[in-house]
């Protein structure tokens, strides 16, 4: 089970040497990209999706985005809005990202 201390340690690891929000966001993006596995599944608003890619909006305020696939469509959604499968490394990074944003987190 992932604890708050685990999430804080992951945040520290992903944002080491980052001097501002954009650099920290870049660290979060790298961590999410590395954790993403082919065929990774998640839900958003109760809908099952496959996560295809992780990216960043035009600035730190937009945050991280996920390109997802569902029924042939490939929309971009906020990464923080996804709920990953239990035990997913990406889910752990998403939980740390939510905590870094100051939002609630699901582990």
PDB file of N, CA and C in Angstrom:
ATOM      1  N   UNK A   1       0.832  -1.179   0.000  1.00  0.00           N
ATOM      2  CA  UNK A   1       0.000   0.000   0.000  1.00  0.00           C
ATOM      3  C   UNK A   1       0.883   1.252   0.000  1.00  0.00           C
ATOM      4  N   UNK A   2       0.576   2.190  -0.858  1.00  0.00           N
ATOM      5  CA  UNK A   2       1.328   3.431  -0.961  1.00  0.00           C
ATOM      6  C   UNK A   2       0.846   4.396   0.124  1.00  0.00           C
ATOM      7  N   UNK A   3       1.780   4.990   0.822  1.00  0.00           N
ATOM      8  CA  UNK A   3       1.456   5.936   1.886  1.00  0.00           C
ATOM      9  C   UNK A   3       1.750   7.365   1.435  1.00  0.00           C
ATOM     10  N   UNK A   4       1.316   8.317   2.235  1.00  0.00           N
ATOM     11  CA  UNK A   4       1.626   9.717   1.949  1.00  0.00           C
ATOM     12  C   UNK A   4       3.138   9.929   1.929  1.00  0.00           C
ATOM     13  N   UNK A   5       3.840   9.284   2.843  1.00  0.00           N
ATOM     14  CA  UNK A   5       5.309   9.400   2.864  1.00  0.00           C
ATOM     15  C   UNK A   5       5.911   8.853   1.569  1.00  0.00           C
ATOM     16  N   UNK A   6       5.348   7.753   1.046  1.00  0.00           N
ATOM     17  CA  UNK A   6       5.823   7.203  -0.230  1.00  0.00           C
ATOM     18  C   UNK A   6       5.613   8.209  -1.363  1.00  0.00           C
ATOM     19  N   UNK A   7       4.441   8.843  -1.370  1.00  0.00           N
ATOM     20  CA  UNK A   7       4.137   9.827  -2.413  1.00  0.00           C
ATOM     21  C   UNK A   7       5.074  11.031  -2.303  1.00  0.00           C
ATOM     22  N   UNK A   8       5.302  11.494  -1.073  1.00  0.00           N
ATOM     23  CA  UNK A   8       6.217  12.625  -0.890  1.00  0.00           C
ATOM     24  C   UNK A   8       7.632  12.283  -1.349  1.00  0.00           C
ATOM     25  N   UNK A   9       8.079  11.057  -1.094  1.00  0.00           N
ATOM     26  CA  UNK A   9       9.403  10.620  -1.553  1.00  0.00           C
ATOM     27  C   UNK A   9       9.451  10.573  -3.080  1.00  0.00           C
ATOM     28  N   UNK A  10       8.378  10.118  -3.700  1.00  0.00           N
ATOM     29  CA  UNK A  10       8.329  10.069  -5.163  1.00  0.00           C
ATOM     30  C   UNK A  10       8.327  11.483  -5.742  1.00  0.00           C
ATOM     31  N   UNK A  11       7.582  12.383  -5.131  1.00  0.00           N
ATOM     32  CA  UNK A  11       7.588  13.780  -5.582  1.00  0.00           C
ATOM     33  C   UNK A  11       9.010  14.343  -5.508  1.00  0.00           C
ATOM     34  N   UNK A  12       9.685  14.097  -4.396  1.00  0.00           N
ATOM     35  CA  UNK A  12      11.072  14.575  -4.250  1.00  0.00           C
ATOM     36  C   UNK A  12      11.967  13.990  -5.333  1.00  0.00           C
ATOM     37  N   UNK A  13      11.795  12.703  -5.618  1.00  0.00           N
ATOM     38  CA  UNK A  13      12.604  12.037  -6.644  1.00  0.00           C
ATOM     39  C   UNK A  13      12.351  12.627  -8.031  1.00  0.00           C
ATOM     40  N   UNK A  14      11.081  12.877  -8.350  1.00  0.00           N
ATOM     41  CA  UNK A  14      10.729  13.352  -9.689  1.00  0.00           C
ATOM     42  C   UNK A  14      11.036  14.829  -9.903  1.00  0.00           C
ATOM     43  N   UNK A  15      11.132  15.597  -8.814  1.00  0.00           N
ATOM     44  CA  UNK A  15      11.351  17.035  -8.956  1.00  0.00           C
ATOM     45  C   UNK A  15      12.726  17.494  -8.473  1.00  0.00           C
ATOM     46  N   UNK A  16      13.612  16.534  -8.238  1.00  0.00           N
ATOM     47  CA  UNK A  16      14.951  16.889  -7.774  1.00  0.00           C
ATOM     48  C   UNK A  16      15.604  17.841  -8.786  1.00  0.00           C
ATOM     49  N   UNK A  17      16.275  18.858  -8.276  1.00  0.00           N
ATOM     50  CA  UNK A  17      16.974  19.858  -9.087  1.00  0.00           C
ATOM     51  C   UNK A  17      16.046  20.742  -9.916  1.00  0.00           C
ATOM     52  N   UNK A  18      14.736  20.663  -9.720  1.00  0.00           N
ATOM     53  CA  UNK A  18      13.795  21.530 -10.428  1.00  0.00           C
ATOM     54  C   UNK A  18      13.674  22.842  -9.661  1.00  0.00           C
ATOM     55  N   UNK A  19      13.736  23.960 -10.378  1.00  0.00           N
ATOM     56  CA  UNK A  19      13.769  25.264  -9.718  1.00  0.00           C
ATOM     57  C   UNK A  19      12.452  26.022  -9.777  1.00  0.00           C
ATOM     58  N   UNK A  20      11.523  25.600 -10.599  1.00  0.00           N
ATOM     59  CA  UNK A  20      10.239  26.287 -10.665  1.00  0.00           C
ATOM     60  C   UNK A  20       9.151  25.291 -11.053  1.00  0.00           C
ATOM     61  N   UNK A  21       7.918  25.778 -11.109  1.00  0.00           N
ATOM     62  CA  UNK A  21       6.792  24.893 -11.390  1.00  0.00           C
ATOM     63  C   UNK A  21       6.919  24.175 -12.735  1.00  0.00           C
ATOM     64  N   UNK A  22       7.389  24.875 -13.745  1.00  0.00           N
ATOM     65  CA  UNK A  22       7.495  24.244 -15.065  1.00  0.00           C
ATOM     66  C   UNK A  22       8.538  23.128 -15.068  1.00  0.00           C
ATOM     67  N   UNK A  23       9.644  23.331 -14.383  1.00  0.00           N
ATOM     68  CA  UNK A  23      10.658  22.275 -14.294  1.00  0.00           C
ATOM     69  C   UNK A  23      10.144  21.099 -13.465  1.00  0.00           C
ATOM     70  N   UNK A  24       9.403  21.389 -12.401  1.00  0.00           N
ATOM     71  CA  UNK A  24       8.822  20.318 -11.600  1.00  0.00           C
ATOM     72  C   UNK A  24       7.785  19.548 -12.412  1.00  0.00           C
ATOM     73  N   UNK A  25       6.973  20.269 -13.179  1.00  0.00           N
ATOM     74  CA  UNK A  25       5.987  19.621 -14.035  1.00  0.00           C
ATOM     75  C   UNK A  25       6.675  18.724 -15.058  1.00  0.00           C
ATOM     76  N   UNK A  26       7.788  19.181 -15.596  1.00  0.00           N
ATOM     77  CA  UNK A  26       8.559  18.373 -16.540  1.00  0.00           C
ATOM     78  C   UNK A  26       9.042  17.081 -15.889  1.00  0.00           C
ATOM     79  N   UNK A  27       9.475  17.163 -14.633  1.00  0.00           N
ATOM     80  CA  UNK A  27       9.886  15.967 -13.899  1.00  0.00           C
ATOM     81  C   UNK A  27       8.732  15.004 -13.712  1.00  0.00           C
ATOM     82  N   UNK A  28       7.554  15.545 -13.403  1.00  0.00           N
ATOM     83  CA  UNK A  28       6.361  14.705 -13.258  1.00  0.00           C
ATOM     84  C   UNK A  28       6.014  14.032 -14.587  1.00  0.00           C
ATOM     85  N   UNK A  29       6.142  14.787 -15.672  1.00  0.00           N
ATOM     86  CA  UNK A  29       5.857  14.231 -16.991  1.00  0.00           C
ATOM     87  C   UNK A  29       6.815  13.083 -17.316  1.00  0.00           C
ATOM     88  N   UNK A  30       8.087  13.275 -17.064  1.00  0.00           N
ATOM     89  CA  UNK A  30       9.066  12.209 -17.325  1.00  0.00           C
ATOM     90  C   UNK A  30       8.738  10.963 -16.503  1.00  0.00           C
ATOM     91  N   UNK A  31       8.391  11.157 -15.238  1.00  0.00           N
ATOM     92  CA  UNK A  31       8.035  10.026 -14.391  1.00  0.00           C
ATOM     93  C   UNK A  31       6.813   9.286 -14.906  1.00  0.00           C
ATOM     94  N   UNK A  32       5.813  10.029 -15.368  1.00  0.00           N
ATOM     95  CA  UNK A  32       4.597   9.411 -15.899  1.00  0.00           C
ATOM     96  C   UNK A  32       4.893   8.671 -17.203  1.00  0.00           C
ATOM     97  N   UNK A  33       5.686   9.280 -18.065  1.00  0.00           N
ATOM     98  CA  UNK A  33       6.026   8.629 -19.333  1.00  0.00           C
ATOM     99  C   UNK A  33       6.790   7.331 -19.098  1.00  0.00           C
ATOM    100  N   UNK A  34       7.713   7.347 -18.131  1.00  0.00           N
ATOM    101  CA  UNK A  34       8.488   6.138 -17.828  1.00  0.00           C
ATOM    102  C   UNK A  34       7.616   5.049 -17.210  1.00  0.00           C
ATOM    103  N   UNK A  35       6.601   5.441 -16.451  1.00  0.00           N
ATOM    104  CA  UNK A  35       5.730   4.469 -15.781  1.00  0.00           C
ATOM    105  C   UNK A  35       4.658   3.896 -16.705  1.00  0.00           C
ATOM    106  N   UNK A  36       4.342   4.603 -17.785  1.00  0.00           N
ATOM    107  CA  UNK A  36       3.295   4.155 -18.704  1.00  0.00           C
ATOM    108  C   UNK A  36       3.694   2.858 -19.400  1.00  0.00           C
ATOM    109  N   UNK A  37       2.849   1.873 -19.334  1.00  0.00           N
ATOM    110  CA  UNK A  37       3.072   0.579 -19.980  1.00  0.00           C
ATOM    111  C   UNK A  37       2.124   0.428 -21.165  1.00  0.00           C
ATOM    112  N   UNK A  38       2.548  -0.243 -22.226  1.00  0.00           N
ATOM    113  CA  UNK A  38       1.651  -0.474 -23.364  1.00  0.00           C
ATOM    114  C   UNK A  38       0.355  -1.144 -22.896  1.00  0.00           C
ATOM    115  N   UNK A  39      -0.757  -0.627 -23.367  1.00  0.00           N
ATOM    116  CA  UNK A  39      -2.055  -1.203 -23.017  1.00  0.00           C
ATOM    117  C   UNK A  39      -2.553  -0.803 -21.638  1.00  0.00           C
ATOM    118  N   UNK A  40      -1.895   0.168 -20.999  1.00  0.00           N
ATOM    119  CA  UNK A  40      -2.294   0.607 -19.640  1.00  0.00           C
ATOM    120  C   UNK A  40      -3.754   1.042 -19.649  1.00  0.00           C
ATOM    121  N   UNK A  41      -4.505   0.532 -18.689  1.00  0.00           N
ATOM    122  CA  UNK A  41      -5.933   0.810 -18.578  1.00  0.00           C
ATOM    123  C   UNK A  41      -6.195   1.751 -17.410  1.00  0.00           C
ATOM    124  N   UNK A  42      -7.261   2.536 -17.530  1.00  0.00           N
ATOM    125  CA  UNK A  42      -7.693   3.435 -16.462  1.00  0.00           C
ATOM    126  C   UNK A  42      -9.166   3.728 -16.669  1.00  0.00           C
ATOM    127  N   UNK A  43      -9.730   4.475 -15.749  1.00  0.00           N
ATOM    128  CA  UNK A  43     -11.098   4.960 -15.922  1.00  0.00           C
ATOM    129  C   UNK A  43     -11.099   6.467 -15.747  1.00  0.00           C
ATOM    130  N   UNK A  44     -12.040   7.098 -16.414  1.00  0.00           N
ATOM    131  CA  UNK A  44     -12.286   8.530 -16.237  1.00  0.00           C
ATOM    132  C   UNK A  44     -13.792   8.711 -16.269  1.00  0.00           C
ATOM    133  N   UNK A  45     -14.318   9.299 -15.230  1.00  0.00           N
ATOM    134  CA  UNK A  45     -15.766   9.487 -15.091  1.00  0.00           C
ATOM    135  C   UNK A  45     -16.510   8.169 -15.299  1.00  0.00           C
ATOM    136  N   UNK A  46     -15.914   7.087 -14.806  1.00  0.00           N
ATOM    137  CA  UNK A  46     -16.547   5.776 -14.890  1.00  0.00           C
ATOM    138  C   UNK A  46     -16.382   5.052 -16.214  1.00  0.00           C
ATOM    139  N   UNK A  47     -15.749   5.687 -17.192  1.00  0.00           N
ATOM    140  CA  UNK A  47     -15.554   5.068 -18.508  1.00  0.00           C
ATOM    141  C   UNK A  47     -14.169   4.432 -18.575  1.00  0.00           C
ATOM    142  N   UNK A  48     -14.109   3.199 -19.078  1.00  0.00           N
ATOM    143  CA  UNK A  48     -12.828   2.518 -19.259  1.00  0.00           C
ATOM    144  C   UNK A  48     -12.115   3.072 -20.483  1.00  0.00           C
ATOM    145  N   UNK A  49     -10.810   3.353 -20.326  1.00  0.00           N
ATOM    146  CA  UNK A  49      -9.998   3.873 -21.420  1.00  0.00           C
ATOM    147  C   UNK A  49      -8.635   3.196 -21.409  1.00  0.00           C
ATOM    148  N   UNK A  50      -7.971   3.249 -22.544  1.00  0.00           N
ATOM    149  CA  UNK A  50      -6.573   2.835 -22.647  1.00  0.00           C
ATOM    150  C   UNK A  50      -5.740   4.099 -22.754  1.00  0.00           C
ATOM    151  N   UNK A  51      -4.691   4.199 -21.954  1.00  0.00           N
ATOM    152  CA  UNK A  51      -3.814   5.369 -22.004  1.00  0.00           C
ATOM    153  C   UNK A  51      -2.784   5.140 -23.100  1.00  0.00           C
ATOM    154  N   UNK A  52      -2.737   6.050 -24.048  1.00  0.00           N
ATOM    155  CA  UNK A  52      -1.854   5.913 -25.201  1.00  0.00           C
ATOM    156  C   UNK A  52      -0.561   6.708 -25.018  1.00  0.00           C
ATOM    157  N   UNK A  53      -0.670   7.917 -24.448  1.00  0.00           N
ATOM    158  CA  UNK A  53       0.508   8.780 -24.305  1.00  0.00           C
ATOM    159  C   UNK A  53       0.264   9.803 -23.202  1.00  0.00           C
ATOM    160  N   UNK A  54       1.352  10.340 -22.693  1.00  0.00           N
ATOM    161  CA  UNK A  54       1.326  11.396 -21.687  1.00  0.00           C
ATOM    162  C   UNK A  54       1.999  12.615 -22.299  1.00  0.00           C
ATOM    163  N   UNK A  55       1.429  13.784 -22.080  1.00  0.00           N
ATOM    164  CA  UNK A  55       2.028  15.004 -22.594  1.00  0.00           C
ATOM    165  C   UNK A  55       1.754  16.156 -21.652  1.00  0.00           C
ATOM    166  N   UNK A  56       2.162  17.331 -22.072  1.00  0.00           N
ATOM    167  CA  UNK A  56       1.991  18.529 -21.262  1.00  0.00           C
ATOM    168  C   UNK A  56       1.264  19.571 -22.090  1.00  0.00           C
ATOM    169  N   UNK A  57       0.399  20.321 -21.411  1.00  0.00           N
ATOM    170  CA  UNK A  57      -0.274  21.422 -22.083  1.00  0.00           C
ATOM    171  C   UNK A  57       0.725  22.514 -22.408  1.00  0.00           C
ATOM    172  N   UNK A  58       0.232  23.637 -22.888  1.00  0.00           N
ATOM    173  CA  UNK A  58       1.135  24.713 -23.310  1.00  0.00           C
ATOM    174  C   UNK A  58       1.879  25.407 -22.169  1.00  0.00           C
ATOM    175  N   UNK A  59       1.411  25.218 -20.918  1.00  0.00           N
ATOM    176  CA  UNK A  59       2.107  25.833 -19.786  1.00  0.00           C
ATOM    177  C   UNK A  59       1.798  25.046 -18.514  1.00  0.00           C
ATOM    178  N   UNK A  60       2.436  25.420 -17.424  1.00  0.00           N
ATOM    179  CA  UNK A  60       2.284  24.692 -16.163  1.00  0.00           C
ATOM    180  C   UNK A  60       0.853  24.739 -15.644  1.00  0.00           C
ATOM    181  N   UNK A  61       0.107  25.791 -15.961  1.00  0.00           N
ATOM    182  CA  UNK A  61      -1.268  25.885 -15.470  1.00  0.00           C
ATOM    183  C   UNK A  61      -2.174  24.841 -16.103  1.00  0.00           C
ATOM    184  N   UNK A  62      -1.895  24.456 -17.332  1.00  0.00           N
ATOM    185  CA  UNK A  62      -2.694  23.431 -17.994  1.00  0.00           C
ATOM    186  C   UNK A  62      -2.417  22.066 -17.389  1.00  0.00           C
ATOM    187  N   UNK A  63      -1.176  21.822 -17.027  1.00  0.00           N
ATOM    188  CA  UNK A  63      -0.809  20.557 -16.406  1.00  0.00           C
ATOM    189  C   UNK A  63      -0.588  19.441 -17.401  1.00  0.00           C
ATOM    190  N   UNK A  64      -0.505  18.237 -16.855  1.00  0.00           N
ATOM    191  CA  UNK A  64      -0.240  17.063 -17.689  1.00  0.00           C
ATOM    192  C   UNK A  64      -1.523  16.530 -18.290  1.00  0.00           C
ATOM    193  N   UNK A  65      -1.399  16.061 -19.513  1.00  0.00           N
ATOM    194  CA  UNK A  65      -2.528  15.512 -20.254  1.00  0.00           C
ATOM    195  C   UNK A  65      -2.236  14.067 -20.619  1.00  0.00           C
ATOM    196  N   UNK A  66      -3.281  13.307 -20.787  1.00  0.00           N
ATOM    197  CA  UNK A  66      -3.149  11.929 -21.255  1.00  0.00           C
ATOM    198  C   UNK A  66      -3.972  11.774 -22.517  1.00  0.00           C
ATOM    199  N   UNK A  67      -3.363  11.225 -23.534  1.00  0.00           N
ATOM    200  CA  UNK A  67      -4.118  10.848 -24.738  1.00  0.00           C
ATOM    201  C   UNK A  67      -4.653   9.461 -24.437  1.00  0.00           C
ATOM    202  N   UNK A  68      -5.962   9.293 -24.546  1.00  0.00           N
ATOM    203  CA  UNK A  68      -6.588   8.012 -24.250  1.00  0.00           C
ATOM    204  C   UNK A  68      -7.339   7.503 -25.481  1.00  0.00           C
ATOM    205  N   UNK A  69      -7.629   6.216 -25.457  1.00  0.00           N
ATOM    206  CA  UNK A  69      -8.371   5.604 -26.558  1.00  0.00           C
ATOM    207  C   UNK A  69      -9.607   4.936 -25.975  1.00  0.00           C
ATOM    208  N   UNK A  70     -10.756   5.225 -26.601  1.00  0.00           N
ATOM    209  CA  UNK A  70     -12.006   4.581 -26.212  1.00  0.00           C
ATOM    210  C   UNK A  70     -12.939   4.587 -27.419  1.00  0.00           C
ATOM    211  N   UNK A  71     -13.373   3.426 -27.807  1.00  0.00           N
ATOM    212  CA  UNK A  71     -14.308   3.286 -28.934  1.00  0.00           C
ATOM    213  C   UNK A  71     -13.812   4.014 -30.177  1.00  0.00           C
ATOM    214  N   UNK A  72     -12.515   3.943 -30.439  1.00  0.00           N
ATOM    215  CA  UNK A  72     -11.941   4.547 -31.639  1.00  0.00           C
ATOM    216  C   UNK A  72     -11.593   6.015 -31.498  1.00  0.00           C
ATOM    217  N   UNK A  73     -12.113   6.685 -30.489  1.00  0.00           N
ATOM    218  CA  UNK A  73     -11.795   8.099 -30.266  1.00  0.00           C
ATOM    219  C   UNK A  73     -10.501   8.196 -29.463  1.00  0.00           C
ATOM    220  N   UNK A  74      -9.775   9.294 -29.646  1.00  0.00           N
ATOM    221  CA  UNK A  74      -8.504   9.493 -28.935  1.00  0.00           C
ATOM    222  C   UNK A  74      -8.432  10.896 -28.330  1.00  0.00           C
ATOM    223  N   UNK A  75      -9.289  11.190 -27.360  1.00  0.00           N
ATOM    224  CA  UNK A  75      -9.271  12.531 -26.754  1.00  0.00           C
ATOM    225  C   UNK A  75      -8.110  12.714 -25.796  1.00  0.00           C
ATOM    226  N   UNK A  76      -7.816  13.975 -25.488  1.00  0.00           N
ATOM    227  CA  UNK A  76      -6.870  14.306 -24.428  1.00  0.00           C
ATOM    228  C   UNK A  76      -7.680  14.646 -23.182  1.00  0.00           C
ATOM    229  N   UNK A  77      -7.236  14.126 -22.058  1.00  0.00           N
ATOM    230  CA  UNK A  77      -7.895  14.385 -20.779  1.00  0.00           C
ATOM    231  C   UNK A  77      -6.828  14.768 -19.758  1.00  0.00           C
ATOM    232  N   UNK A  78      -7.246  15.379 -18.678  1.00  0.00           N
ATOM    233  CA  UNK A  78      -6.309  15.721 -17.610  1.00  0.00           C
ATOM    234  C   UNK A  78      -5.801  14.423 -16.979  1.00  0.00           C
ATOM    235  N   UNK A  79      -4.492  14.278 -16.895  1.00  0.00           N
ATOM    236  CA  UNK A  79      -3.903  13.078 -16.300  1.00  0.00           C
ATOM    237  C   UNK A  79      -4.419  12.876 -14.877  1.00  0.00           C
ATOM    238  N   UNK A  80      -4.570  13.956 -14.128  1.00  0.00           N
ATOM    239  CA  UNK A  80      -4.997  13.865 -12.729  1.00  0.00           C
ATOM    240  C   UNK A  80      -6.424  13.331 -12.586  1.00  0.00           C
ATOM    241  N   UNK A  81      -7.207  13.344 -13.653  1.00  0.00           N
ATOM    242  CA  UNK A  81      -8.585  12.854 -13.596  1.00  0.00           C
ATOM    243  C   UNK A  81      -8.687  11.346 -13.831  1.00  0.00           C
ATOM    244  N   UNK A  82      -7.585  10.711 -14.215  1.00  0.00           N
ATOM    245  CA  UNK A  82      -7.610   9.272 -14.472  1.00  0.00           C
ATOM    246  C   UNK A  82      -7.458   8.477 -13.178  1.00  0.00           C
ATOM    247  N   UNK A  83      -8.135   7.369 -13.123  1.00  0.00           N
ATOM    248  CA  UNK A  83      -7.990   6.407 -12.024  1.00  0.00           C
ATOM    249  C   UNK A  83      -7.390   5.153 -12.643  1.00  0.00           C
ATOM    250  N   UNK A  84      -6.164   4.863 -12.285  1.00  0.00           N
ATOM    251  CA  UNK A  84      -5.449   3.720 -12.854  1.00  0.00           C
ATOM    252  C   UNK A  84      -5.769   2.447 -12.082  1.00  0.00           C
ATOM    253  N   UNK A  85      -5.505   1.322 -12.708  1.00  0.00           N
ATOM    254  CA  UNK A  85      -5.717   0.027 -12.071  1.00  0.00           C
ATOM    255  C   UNK A  85      -4.856  -0.096 -10.817  1.00  0.00           C
ATOM    256  N   UNK A  86      -5.353  -0.846  -9.848  1.00  0.00           N
ATOM    257  CA  UNK A  86      -4.612  -1.083  -8.607  1.00  0.00           C
ATOM    258  C   UNK A  86      -3.257  -1.710  -8.934  1.00  0.00           C
ATOM    259  N   UNK A  87      -2.231  -1.248  -8.259  1.00  0.00           N
ATOM    260  CA  UNK A  87      -0.892  -1.795  -8.459  1.00  0.00           C
ATOM    261  C   UNK A  87      -0.147  -1.198  -9.633  1.00  0.00           C
ATOM    262  N   UNK A  88      -0.768  -0.290 -10.361  1.00  0.00           N
ATOM    263  CA  UNK A  88      -0.134   0.338 -11.514  1.00  0.00           C
ATOM    264  C   UNK A  88       0.932   1.332 -11.065  1.00  0.00           C
ATOM    265  N   UNK A  89       2.123   1.235 -11.645  1.00  0.00           N
ATOM    266  CA  UNK A  89       3.173   2.210 -11.352  1.00  0.00           C
ATOM    267  C   UNK A  89       2.743   3.592 -11.824  1.00  0.00           C
ATOM    268  N   UNK A  90       2.059   3.660 -12.966  1.00  0.00           N
ATOM    269  CA  UNK A  90       1.552   4.949 -13.431  1.00  0.00           C
ATOM    270  C   UNK A  90       0.556   5.512 -12.419  1.00  0.00           C
ATOM    271  N   UNK A  91      -0.278   4.661 -11.846  1.00  0.00           N
ATOM    272  CA  UNK A  91      -1.231   5.107 -10.840  1.00  0.00           C
ATOM    273  C   UNK A  91      -0.537   5.732  -9.646  1.00  0.00           C
ATOM    274  N   UNK A  92       0.592   5.184  -9.274  1.00  0.00           N
ATOM    275  CA  UNK A  92       1.395   5.726  -8.174  1.00  0.00           C
ATOM    276  C   UNK A  92       1.931   7.114  -8.538  1.00  0.00           C
ATOM    277  N   UNK A  93       2.411   7.269  -9.772  1.00  0.00           N
ATOM    278  CA  UNK A  93       2.903   8.569 -10.225  1.00  0.00           C
ATOM    279  C   UNK A  93       1.747   9.569 -10.302  1.00  0.00           C
ATOM    280  N   UNK A  94       0.595   9.140 -10.791  1.00  0.00           N
ATOM    281  CA  UNK A  94      -0.567  10.031 -10.872  1.00  0.00           C
ATOM    282  C   UNK A  94      -0.978  10.490  -9.473  1.00  0.00           C
ATOM    283  N   UNK A  95      -0.951   9.590  -8.500  1.00  0.00           N
ATOM    284  CA  UNK A  95      -1.283   9.963  -7.119  1.00  0.00           C
ATOM    285  C   UNK A  95      -0.289  11.010  -6.590  1.00  0.00           C
ATOM    286  N   UNK A  96       0.996  10.832  -6.879  1.00  0.00           N
ATOM    287  CA  UNK A  96       2.010  11.811  -6.464  1.00  0.00           C
ATOM    288  C   UNK A  96       1.786  13.143  -7.181  1.00  0.00           C
ATOM    289  N   UNK A  97       1.432  13.085  -8.457  1.00  0.00           N
ATOM    290  CA  UNK A  97       1.163  14.293  -9.238  1.00  0.00           C
ATOM    291  C   UNK A  97      -0.014  15.055  -8.633  1.00  0.00           C
ATOM    292  N   UNK A  98      -1.076  14.339  -8.288  1.00  0.00           N
ATOM    293  CA  UNK A  98      -2.228  14.992  -7.659  1.00  0.00           C
ATOM    294  C   UNK A  98      -1.810  15.664  -6.341  1.00  0.00           C
ATOM    295  N   UNK A  99      -1.013  14.956  -5.555  1.00  0.00           N
ATOM    296  CA  UNK A  99      -0.557  15.525  -4.279  1.00  0.00           C
ATOM    297  C   UNK A  99       0.296  16.760  -4.535  1.00  0.00           C
ATOM    298  N   UNK A 100       1.191  16.709  -5.517  1.00  0.00           N
ATOM    299  CA  UNK A 100       2.034  17.843  -5.871  1.00  0.00           C
ATOM    300  C   UNK A 100       1.173  19.036  -6.277  1.00  0.00           C
ATOM    301  N   UNK A 101       0.066  18.774  -6.975  1.00  0.00           N
ATOM    302  CA  UNK A 101      -0.843  19.836  -7.392  1.00  0.00           C
ATOM    303  C   UNK A 101      -1.649  20.419  -6.231  1.00  0.00           C
ATOM    304  N   UNK A 102      -1.670  19.714  -5.107  1.00  0.00           N
ATOM    305  CA  UNK A 102      -2.478  20.161  -3.982  1.00  0.00           C
ATOM    306  C   UNK A 102      -3.914  19.678  -4.071  1.00  0.00           C
ATOM    307  N   UNK A 103      -4.152  18.688  -4.942  1.00  0.00           N
ATOM    308  CA  UNK A 103      -5.477  18.098  -5.106  1.00  0.00           C
ATOM    309  C   UNK A 103      -5.570  16.852  -4.220  1.00  0.00           C
ATOM    310  N   UNK A 104      -6.763  16.345  -4.082  1.00  0.00           N
ATOM    311  CA  UNK A 104      -6.928  15.076  -3.395  1.00  0.00           C
ATOM    312  C   UNK A 104      -6.211  14.008  -4.184  1.00  0.00           C
ATOM    313  N   UNK A 105      -5.895  12.925  -3.560  1.00  0.00           N
ATOM    314  CA  UNK A 105      -5.175  11.865  -4.267  1.00  0.00           C
ATOM    315  C   UNK A 105      -5.822  10.541  -3.953  1.00  0.00           C
ATOM    316  N   UNK A 106      -5.739   9.646  -4.920  1.00  0.00           N
ATOM    317  CA  UNK A 106      -6.209   8.276  -4.772  1.00  0.00           C
ATOM    318  C   UNK A 106      -5.005   7.400  -4.974  1.00  0.00           C
ATOM    319  N   UNK A 107      -4.754   6.540  -4.031  1.00  0.00           N
ATOM    320  CA  UNK A 107      -3.594   5.648  -4.128  1.00  0.00           C
ATOM    321  C   UNK A 107      -4.068   4.281  -4.558  1.00  0.00           C
TER     322      UNK A 107
END
